[in-house]
Amino acid sequence: MIFIWAEDQQHAIGHKGQLPWHLPADMAFFKQNTIGKMLISGSRTFASYKKPLPHRKNIVLTSRTATDYPSGVEVLHSASEVVTYEQAHPDETVIISGGARVFKSLLPYVDTLLRTRVLHKFKADTYMPEIDYSRFKLVESTAHEPDEKNPYGLVFERWERR
């Protein structure tokens, strides 16, 4: 299981149901790492996409009954259902894209962390749950300098469970 998210210097990941920033380089990183994979999102995170993301198997993790999701979107209702689903699909890569409650509920099961650090502080109301990074090893880190489309520096990191 893989987590993918972007956070600012205060571990902020959201504001009013959206990302607090618009950074095409981070969107490209997200797309590159989720295309062709099973993407599991909480209901608010899924709603922020406005539609199922193409070329991915879209799954929503929610405690609510599923009646208003587009055709083809699957719904799971608990962290244990996600783990069971992942075990039943061993040839598929499971990517978790948030939000905070989803990350917290699945933290014991994650093997890989794909974190984008946004080198700035933003107004936010949602923060990444605390992760004990001593249980992970940083295996890749790539800096992206600010440019005309990305006004803040970014660091793309890959962590693997020890």
N, C-alpha and C. Protein backbone atom coordinates (compact mmCIF):
# COMPACT_ATOMS: atom_id res chain seq x y z
N MET A 1 0.85 -1.18 0.00
CA MET A 1 0.00 0.00 0.00
C MET A 1 0.90 1.24 0.00
N ILE A 2 0.50 2.21 -0.78
CA ILE A 2 1.28 3.44 -0.96
C ILE A 2 0.42 4.65 -0.60
N PHE A 3 0.98 5.56 0.18
CA PHE A 3 0.34 6.86 0.42
C PHE A 3 0.95 7.86 -0.55
N ILE A 4 0.13 8.75 -1.10
CA ILE A 4 0.64 9.86 -1.91
C ILE A 4 -0.06 11.13 -1.46
N TRP A 5 0.73 12.17 -1.17
CA TRP A 5 0.17 13.44 -0.73
C TRP A 5 1.22 14.54 -0.86
N ALA A 6 0.73 15.76 -0.78
CA ALA A 6 1.59 16.94 -0.71
C ALA A 6 1.26 17.66 0.58
N GLU A 7 2.29 18.19 1.23
CA GLU A 7 2.09 18.93 2.47
C GLU A 7 2.99 20.15 2.49
N ASP A 8 2.54 21.18 3.21
CA ASP A 8 3.37 22.38 3.32
C ASP A 8 4.33 22.23 4.50
N GLN A 9 4.99 23.30 4.86
CA GLN A 9 6.01 23.24 5.92
C GLN A 9 5.41 23.02 7.31
N GLN A 10 4.09 23.12 7.43
CA GLN A 10 3.41 22.86 8.69
C GLN A 10 2.58 21.57 8.63
N HIS A 11 2.83 20.75 7.60
CA HIS A 11 2.13 19.48 7.37
C HIS A 11 0.69 19.67 6.94
N ALA A 12 0.34 20.88 6.47
CA ALA A 12 -1.01 21.14 5.96
C ALA A 12 -1.22 20.40 4.65
N ILE A 13 -2.44 19.82 4.51
CA ILE A 13 -2.76 19.11 3.27
C ILE A 13 -4.05 19.60 2.63
N GLY A 14 -4.80 20.45 3.33
CA GLY A 14 -6.06 20.89 2.76
C GLY A 14 -6.61 22.16 3.39
N HIS A 15 -7.47 22.82 2.63
CA HIS A 15 -8.19 23.99 3.12
C HIS A 15 -9.56 24.04 2.44
N LYS A 16 -10.60 23.95 3.25
CA LYS A 16 -11.98 23.97 2.75
C LYS A 16 -12.22 22.92 1.67
N GLY A 17 -11.69 21.72 1.88
CA GLY A 17 -11.94 20.61 0.96
C GLY A 17 -11.11 20.62 -0.31
N GLN A 18 -10.12 21.50 -0.39
CA GLN A 18 -9.26 21.59 -1.58
C GLN A 18 -7.79 21.66 -1.15
N LEU A 19 -6.90 21.47 -2.11
CA LEU A 19 -5.49 21.74 -1.84
C LEU A 19 -5.32 23.25 -1.65
N PRO A 20 -4.46 23.67 -0.75
CA PRO A 20 -4.24 25.11 -0.55
C PRO A 20 -3.39 25.76 -1.64
N TRP A 21 -2.97 25.02 -2.63
CA TRP A 21 -2.08 25.52 -3.67
C TRP A 21 -2.44 24.90 -5.01
N HIS A 22 -1.92 25.50 -6.07
CA HIS A 22 -2.03 24.92 -7.41
C HIS A 22 -0.61 24.84 -7.96
N LEU A 23 -0.08 23.63 -8.04
CA LEU A 23 1.31 23.42 -8.46
C LEU A 23 1.34 22.33 -9.53
N PRO A 24 1.44 22.72 -10.81
CA PRO A 24 1.42 21.73 -11.89
C PRO A 24 2.49 20.64 -11.75
N ALA A 25 3.64 20.97 -11.20
CA ALA A 25 4.69 19.94 -11.04
C ALA A 25 4.22 18.85 -10.08
N ASP A 26 3.51 19.23 -9.02
CA ASP A 26 2.99 18.24 -8.09
C ASP A 26 1.87 17.43 -8.74
N MET A 27 1.01 18.09 -9.51
CA MET A 27 -0.06 17.37 -10.22
C MET A 27 0.54 16.33 -11.18
N ALA A 28 1.62 16.70 -11.85
CA ALA A 28 2.29 15.77 -12.77
C ALA A 28 2.87 14.58 -12.00
N PHE A 29 3.45 14.85 -10.83
CA PHE A 29 4.00 13.78 -9.99
C PHE A 29 2.88 12.83 -9.55
N PHE A 30 1.75 13.40 -9.14
CA PHE A 30 0.59 12.60 -8.73
C PHE A 30 0.11 11.73 -9.89
N LYS A 31 -0.05 12.34 -11.05
CA LYS A 31 -0.53 11.60 -12.21
C LYS A 31 0.44 10.47 -12.58
N GLN A 32 1.72 10.79 -12.65
CA GLN A 32 2.74 9.80 -13.02
C GLN A 32 2.71 8.59 -12.08
N ASN A 33 2.43 8.83 -10.80
CA ASN A 33 2.47 7.75 -9.82
C ASN A 33 1.15 7.05 -9.59
N THR A 34 0.05 7.55 -10.18
CA THR A 34 -1.25 6.92 -9.95
C THR A 34 -1.90 6.33 -11.21
N ILE A 35 -1.45 6.74 -12.39
CA ILE A 35 -2.01 6.19 -13.64
C ILE A 35 -1.88 4.67 -13.64
N GLY A 36 -2.98 4.01 -13.99
CA GLY A 36 -2.97 2.56 -14.10
C GLY A 36 -3.05 1.84 -12.77
N LYS A 37 -3.26 2.58 -11.70
CA LYS A 37 -3.27 1.98 -10.36
C LYS A 37 -4.67 2.07 -9.75
N MET A 38 -4.83 1.43 -8.61
CA MET A 38 -6.05 1.48 -7.83
C MET A 38 -5.91 2.67 -6.89
N LEU A 39 -6.76 3.69 -7.03
CA LEU A 39 -6.67 4.92 -6.25
C LEU A 39 -7.81 4.97 -5.24
N ILE A 40 -7.45 4.96 -3.97
CA ILE A 40 -8.44 4.99 -2.90
C ILE A 40 -8.40 6.36 -2.24
N SER A 41 -9.57 7.01 -2.17
CA SER A 41 -9.69 8.35 -1.61
C SER A 41 -10.88 8.39 -0.67
N GLY A 42 -10.77 9.22 0.35
CA GLY A 42 -11.92 9.50 1.19
C GLY A 42 -12.95 10.28 0.39
N SER A 43 -14.16 10.41 0.92
CA SER A 43 -15.23 11.05 0.17
C SER A 43 -14.94 12.52 -0.14
N ARG A 44 -14.34 13.25 0.80
CA ARG A 44 -14.03 14.67 0.55
C ARG A 44 -12.91 14.80 -0.48
N THR A 45 -11.92 13.95 -0.38
CA THR A 45 -10.83 13.99 -1.36
C THR A 45 -11.36 13.65 -2.74
N PHE A 46 -12.18 12.61 -2.83
CA PHE A 46 -12.77 12.24 -4.11
C PHE A 46 -13.59 13.40 -4.67
N ALA A 47 -14.38 14.06 -3.83
CA ALA A 47 -15.20 15.20 -4.27
C ALA A 47 -14.33 16.33 -4.81
N SER A 48 -13.13 16.49 -4.27
CA SER A 48 -12.24 17.56 -4.74
C SER A 48 -11.76 17.30 -6.17
N TYR A 49 -11.81 16.05 -6.63
CA TYR A 49 -11.40 15.74 -8.00
C TYR A 49 -12.48 16.15 -9.01
N LYS A 50 -13.70 16.33 -8.56
CA LYS A 50 -14.85 16.73 -9.38
C LYS A 50 -15.40 15.61 -10.27
N LYS A 51 -14.61 14.55 -10.50
CA LYS A 51 -15.04 13.41 -11.32
C LYS A 51 -14.05 12.28 -11.08
N PRO A 52 -14.39 11.05 -11.45
CA PRO A 52 -13.41 9.96 -11.33
C PRO A 52 -12.17 10.30 -12.17
N LEU A 53 -11.01 10.03 -11.61
CA LEU A 53 -9.78 10.31 -12.35
C LEU A 53 -9.57 9.24 -13.41
N PRO A 54 -9.28 9.67 -14.65
CA PRO A 54 -9.17 8.69 -15.74
C PRO A 54 -7.95 7.79 -15.60
N HIS A 55 -8.07 6.61 -16.19
CA HIS A 55 -7.00 5.61 -16.28
C HIS A 55 -6.56 5.12 -14.90
N ARG A 56 -7.49 5.12 -13.96
CA ARG A 56 -7.26 4.60 -12.62
C ARG A 56 -8.54 3.89 -12.19
N LYS A 57 -8.40 2.93 -11.31
CA LYS A 57 -9.57 2.33 -10.67
C LYS A 57 -9.88 3.21 -9.46
N ASN A 58 -10.99 3.96 -9.51
CA ASN A 58 -11.37 4.90 -8.45
C ASN A 58 -12.20 4.19 -7.39
N ILE A 59 -11.72 4.27 -6.15
CA ILE A 59 -12.42 3.68 -5.01
C ILE A 59 -12.56 4.76 -3.94
N VAL A 60 -13.75 4.87 -3.36
CA VAL A 60 -14.00 5.83 -2.29
C VAL A 60 -14.12 5.06 -0.98
N LEU A 61 -13.41 5.52 0.03
CA LEU A 61 -13.51 4.96 1.38
C LEU A 61 -14.37 5.92 2.20
N THR A 62 -15.54 5.46 2.59
CA THR A 62 -16.48 6.32 3.32
C THR A 62 -17.34 5.48 4.23
N SER A 63 -17.76 6.07 5.34
CA SER A 63 -18.68 5.37 6.23
C SER A 63 -20.13 5.55 5.77
N ARG A 64 -20.34 6.47 4.85
CA ARG A 64 -21.70 6.73 4.35
C ARG A 64 -22.13 5.67 3.33
N THR A 65 -23.43 5.53 3.17
CA THR A 65 -23.92 4.62 2.13
C THR A 65 -23.66 5.27 0.77
N ALA A 66 -23.30 4.46 -0.17
CA ALA A 66 -22.91 4.96 -1.49
C ALA A 66 -24.09 4.94 -2.43
N THR A 67 -24.61 6.12 -2.72
CA THR A 67 -25.70 6.19 -3.69
C THR A 67 -25.42 7.25 -4.75
N ASP A 68 -24.48 8.13 -4.49
CA ASP A 68 -24.30 9.26 -5.39
C ASP A 68 -22.94 9.29 -6.09
N TYR A 69 -22.28 8.14 -6.21
CA TYR A 69 -21.01 8.11 -6.91
C TYR A 69 -21.22 7.70 -8.36
N PRO A 70 -20.41 8.22 -9.26
CA PRO A 70 -20.55 7.87 -10.68
C PRO A 70 -20.37 6.37 -10.93
N SER A 71 -20.92 5.93 -12.02
CA SER A 71 -20.79 4.55 -12.44
C SER A 71 -19.32 4.16 -12.53
N GLY A 72 -18.99 2.99 -12.04
CA GLY A 72 -17.61 2.51 -12.10
C GLY A 72 -16.80 2.82 -10.87
N VAL A 73 -17.28 3.72 -10.02
CA VAL A 73 -16.57 4.04 -8.77
C VAL A 73 -17.01 3.03 -7.72
N GLU A 74 -16.04 2.34 -7.14
CA GLU A 74 -16.34 1.38 -6.10
C GLU A 74 -16.30 2.07 -4.74
N VAL A 75 -16.99 1.51 -3.77
CA VAL A 75 -17.04 2.09 -2.43
C VAL A 75 -16.67 1.02 -1.40
N LEU A 76 -15.78 1.41 -0.49
CA LEU A 76 -15.43 0.58 0.66
C LEU A 76 -15.77 1.38 1.91
N HIS A 77 -15.96 0.67 3.05
CA HIS A 77 -16.48 1.35 4.23
C HIS A 77 -15.58 1.32 5.45
N SER A 78 -14.42 0.68 5.37
CA SER A 78 -13.54 0.63 6.54
C SER A 78 -12.11 0.32 6.11
N ALA A 79 -11.18 0.61 7.00
CA ALA A 79 -9.78 0.28 6.73
C ALA A 79 -9.61 -1.23 6.54
N SER A 80 -10.33 -2.02 7.31
CA SER A 80 -10.20 -3.47 7.15
C SER A 80 -10.71 -3.93 5.79
N GLU A 81 -11.75 -3.27 5.25
CA GLU A 81 -12.22 -3.60 3.89
C GLU A 81 -11.15 -3.25 2.86
N VAL A 82 -10.42 -2.16 3.07
CA VAL A 82 -9.34 -1.79 2.15
C VAL A 82 -8.25 -2.85 2.18
N VAL A 83 -7.86 -3.28 3.36
CA VAL A 83 -6.82 -4.31 3.49
C VAL A 83 -7.27 -5.61 2.84
N THR A 84 -8.51 -6.01 3.07
CA THR A 84 -9.05 -7.22 2.45
C THR A 84 -9.08 -7.09 0.94
N TYR A 85 -9.50 -5.91 0.47
CA TYR A 85 -9.56 -5.65 -0.98
C TYR A 85 -8.15 -5.74 -1.59
N GLU A 86 -7.18 -5.13 -0.92
CA GLU A 86 -5.80 -5.19 -1.42
C GLU A 86 -5.31 -6.63 -1.49
N GLN A 87 -5.58 -7.42 -0.47
CA GLN A 87 -5.15 -8.82 -0.45
C GLN A 87 -5.82 -9.63 -1.55
N ALA A 88 -7.04 -9.27 -1.90
CA ALA A 88 -7.77 -9.98 -2.95
C ALA A 88 -7.31 -9.58 -4.35
N HIS A 89 -6.53 -8.51 -4.46
CA HIS A 89 -6.03 -8.01 -5.75
C HIS A 89 -4.51 -7.86 -5.69
N PRO A 90 -3.78 -8.97 -5.51
CA PRO A 90 -2.33 -8.89 -5.29
C PRO A 90 -1.54 -8.34 -6.49
N ASP A 91 -2.11 -8.36 -7.67
CA ASP A 91 -1.40 -7.87 -8.85
C ASP A 91 -1.63 -6.38 -9.09
N GLU A 92 -2.43 -5.73 -8.25
CA GLU A 92 -2.70 -4.31 -8.42
C GLU A 92 -1.98 -3.49 -7.35
N THR A 93 -1.57 -2.29 -7.73
CA THR A 93 -0.93 -1.38 -6.78
C THR A 93 -2.00 -0.48 -6.19
N VAL A 94 -2.05 -0.45 -4.86
CA VAL A 94 -3.03 0.35 -4.15
C VAL A 94 -2.37 1.66 -3.70
N ILE A 95 -2.95 2.77 -4.17
CA ILE A 95 -2.47 4.11 -3.81
C ILE A 95 -3.55 4.79 -2.99
N ILE A 96 -3.18 5.33 -1.85
CA ILE A 96 -4.10 6.05 -0.98
C ILE A 96 -3.81 7.54 -1.13
N SER A 97 -4.85 8.33 -1.45
CA SER A 97 -4.63 9.76 -1.70
C SER A 97 -5.26 10.67 -0.65
N GLY A 98 -5.71 10.11 0.45
CA GLY A 98 -6.23 10.95 1.53
C GLY A 98 -7.73 10.86 1.63
N GLY A 99 -8.24 11.65 2.50
CA GLY A 99 -7.70 12.70 3.33
C GLY A 99 -7.13 12.21 4.64
N ALA A 100 -7.05 13.13 5.58
CA ALA A 100 -6.34 12.90 6.84
C ALA A 100 -6.88 11.68 7.59
N ARG A 101 -8.20 11.54 7.68
CA ARG A 101 -8.76 10.38 8.40
C ARG A 101 -8.43 9.07 7.71
N VAL A 102 -8.44 9.08 6.38
CA VAL A 102 -8.10 7.87 5.63
C VAL A 102 -6.64 7.51 5.87
N PHE A 103 -5.75 8.51 5.77
CA PHE A 103 -4.34 8.24 6.04
C PHE A 103 -4.15 7.67 7.44
N LYS A 104 -4.79 8.29 8.43
CA LYS A 104 -4.62 7.83 9.81
C LYS A 104 -5.10 6.40 9.98
N SER A 105 -6.24 6.05 9.38
CA SER A 105 -6.79 4.71 9.54
C SER A 105 -5.95 3.63 8.86
N LEU A 106 -5.21 4.02 7.81
CA LEU A 106 -4.44 3.02 7.06
C LEU A 106 -2.94 3.07 7.34
N LEU A 107 -2.51 3.96 8.21
CA LEU A 107 -1.08 4.11 8.51
C LEU A 107 -0.40 2.81 8.93
N PRO A 108 -1.04 1.94 9.72
CA PRO A 108 -0.37 0.69 10.09
C PRO A 108 -0.06 -0.24 8.91
N TYR A 109 -0.73 -0.03 7.77
CA TYR A 109 -0.62 -0.96 6.64
C TYR A 109 0.24 -0.44 5.50
N VAL A 110 0.66 0.82 5.56
CA VAL A 110 1.36 1.42 4.43
C VAL A 110 2.81 0.93 4.37
N ASP A 111 3.29 0.68 3.14
CA ASP A 111 4.67 0.26 2.91
C ASP A 111 5.52 1.36 2.30
N THR A 112 4.88 2.24 1.51
CA THR A 112 5.61 3.27 0.76
C THR A 112 4.92 4.61 0.95
N LEU A 113 5.73 5.65 1.13
CA LEU A 113 5.21 7.01 1.25
C LEU A 113 5.76 7.83 0.09
N LEU A 114 4.86 8.45 -0.67
CA LEU A 114 5.25 9.37 -1.74
C LEU A 114 4.80 10.76 -1.29
N ARG A 115 5.74 11.49 -0.72
CA ARG A 115 5.42 12.80 -0.13
C ARG A 115 6.02 13.91 -0.97
N THR A 116 5.19 14.90 -1.28
CA THR A 116 5.68 16.14 -1.87
C THR A 116 5.72 17.17 -0.76
N ARG A 117 6.89 17.72 -0.51
CA ARG A 117 7.02 18.81 0.46
C ARG A 117 6.96 20.13 -0.30
N VAL A 118 5.98 20.95 0.02
CA VAL A 118 5.83 22.27 -0.58
C VAL A 118 6.55 23.24 0.35
N LEU A 119 7.56 23.92 -0.16
CA LEU A 119 8.41 24.75 0.67
C LEU A 119 7.80 26.14 0.89
N HIS A 120 6.67 26.12 1.60
CA HIS A 120 5.93 27.35 1.90
C HIS A 120 4.91 27.00 2.99
N LYS A 121 4.35 28.01 3.65
CA LYS A 121 3.29 27.82 4.65
C LYS A 121 1.99 28.42 4.10
N PHE A 122 0.91 27.67 4.23
CA PHE A 122 -0.38 28.08 3.70
C PHE A 122 -1.44 28.09 4.79
N LYS A 123 -2.51 28.83 4.55
CA LYS A 123 -3.68 28.77 5.41
C LYS A 123 -4.33 27.42 5.16
N ALA A 124 -4.65 26.71 6.25
CA ALA A 124 -5.17 25.35 6.08
C ALA A 124 -6.07 24.97 7.25
N ASP A 125 -6.88 23.95 7.04
CA ASP A 125 -7.70 23.41 8.12
C ASP A 125 -7.56 21.88 8.24
N THR A 126 -6.73 21.29 7.40
CA THR A 126 -6.53 19.84 7.43
C THR A 126 -5.03 19.56 7.37
N TYR A 127 -4.58 18.65 8.24
CA TYR A 127 -3.15 18.37 8.37
C TYR A 127 -2.89 16.87 8.28
N MET A 128 -1.71 16.52 7.79
CA MET A 128 -1.31 15.12 7.68
C MET A 128 -1.14 14.55 9.09
N PRO A 129 -1.68 13.36 9.33
CA PRO A 129 -1.45 12.74 10.64
C PRO A 129 0.05 12.51 10.86
N GLU A 130 0.43 12.46 12.10
CA GLU A 130 1.85 12.27 12.43
C GLU A 130 2.31 10.89 11.96
N ILE A 131 3.46 10.88 11.31
CA ILE A 131 4.06 9.64 10.83
C ILE A 131 5.40 9.47 11.53
N ASP A 132 5.67 8.28 12.03
CA ASP A 132 6.96 7.99 12.65
C ASP A 132 7.93 7.61 11.53
N TYR A 133 8.68 8.61 11.07
CA TYR A 133 9.59 8.38 9.95
C TYR A 133 10.76 7.47 10.30
N SER A 134 11.00 7.19 11.59
CA SER A 134 12.06 6.25 11.95
C SER A 134 11.71 4.84 11.49
N ARG A 135 10.43 4.59 11.17
CA ARG A 135 10.00 3.29 10.67
C ARG A 135 10.14 3.17 9.14
N PHE A 136 10.59 4.25 8.52
CA PHE A 136 10.75 4.31 7.08
C PHE A 136 12.16 4.77 6.72
N LYS A 137 12.57 4.45 5.51
CA LYS A 137 13.87 4.89 5.01
C LYS A 137 13.64 5.75 3.77
N LEU A 138 14.26 6.93 3.75
CA LEU A 138 14.18 7.79 2.57
C LEU A 138 15.04 7.17 1.47
N VAL A 139 14.42 6.79 0.35
CA VAL A 139 15.16 6.12 -0.72
C VAL A 139 15.32 6.99 -1.96
N GLU A 140 14.55 8.09 -2.03
CA GLU A 140 14.66 8.98 -3.18
C GLU A 140 14.16 10.36 -2.78
N SER A 141 14.88 11.39 -3.22
CA SER A 141 14.49 12.77 -2.95
C SER A 141 14.92 13.62 -4.14
N THR A 142 13.95 14.33 -4.73
CA THR A 142 14.23 15.15 -5.90
C THR A 142 13.66 16.54 -5.68
N ALA A 143 14.52 17.54 -5.80
CA ALA A 143 14.08 18.93 -5.63
C ALA A 143 13.57 19.50 -6.94
N HIS A 144 12.57 20.35 -6.84
CA HIS A 144 12.04 21.09 -8.00
C HIS A 144 12.04 22.55 -7.61
N GLU A 145 12.86 23.33 -8.27
CA GLU A 145 12.97 24.75 -7.97
C GLU A 145 11.72 25.50 -8.43
N PRO A 146 11.40 26.63 -7.79
CA PRO A 146 10.27 27.43 -8.26
C PRO A 146 10.49 27.85 -9.72
N ASP A 147 9.39 27.96 -10.46
CA ASP A 147 9.46 28.41 -11.84
C ASP A 147 8.20 29.22 -12.15
N GLU A 148 7.98 29.55 -13.40
CA GLU A 148 6.84 30.40 -13.75
C GLU A 148 5.48 29.76 -13.46
N LYS A 149 5.41 28.43 -13.45
CA LYS A 149 4.14 27.76 -13.18
C LYS A 149 4.03 27.25 -11.74
N ASN A 150 5.15 27.13 -11.07
CA ASN A 150 5.22 26.59 -9.71
C ASN A 150 5.95 27.60 -8.83
N PRO A 151 5.21 28.48 -8.16
CA PRO A 151 5.85 29.58 -7.44
C PRO A 151 6.61 29.18 -6.17
N TYR A 152 6.48 27.92 -5.74
CA TYR A 152 7.15 27.46 -4.53
C TYR A 152 8.03 26.27 -4.86
N GLY A 153 9.13 26.15 -4.14
CA GLY A 153 9.98 24.98 -4.30
C GLY A 153 9.26 23.73 -3.81
N LEU A 154 9.59 22.61 -4.42
CA LEU A 154 9.01 21.33 -4.06
C LEU A 154 10.12 20.31 -3.86
N VAL A 155 9.87 19.33 -3.00
CA VAL A 155 10.76 18.19 -2.86
C VAL A 155 9.88 16.95 -2.94
N PHE A 156 10.17 16.11 -3.92
CA PHE A 156 9.44 14.85 -4.10
C PHE A 156 10.24 13.75 -3.39
N GLU A 157 9.59 13.05 -2.46
CA GLU A 157 10.29 12.04 -1.66
C GLU A 157 9.59 10.69 -1.78
N ARG A 158 10.42 9.65 -1.70
CA ARG A 158 9.91 8.28 -1.63
C ARG A 158 10.53 7.63 -0.41
N TRP A 159 9.68 7.15 0.48
CA TRP A 159 10.08 6.47 1.70
C TRP A 159 9.59 5.03 1.66
N GLU A 160 10.40 4.10 2.09
CA GLU A 160 10.02 2.69 2.15
C GLU A 160 10.07 2.21 3.60
N ARG A 161 9.08 1.39 3.99
CA ARG A 161 9.06 0.87 5.36
C ARG A 161 10.31 0.03 5.60
N ARG A 162 10.90 0.21 6.76
CA ARG A 162 12.11 -0.55 7.15
C ARG A 162 11.76 -1.99 7.49
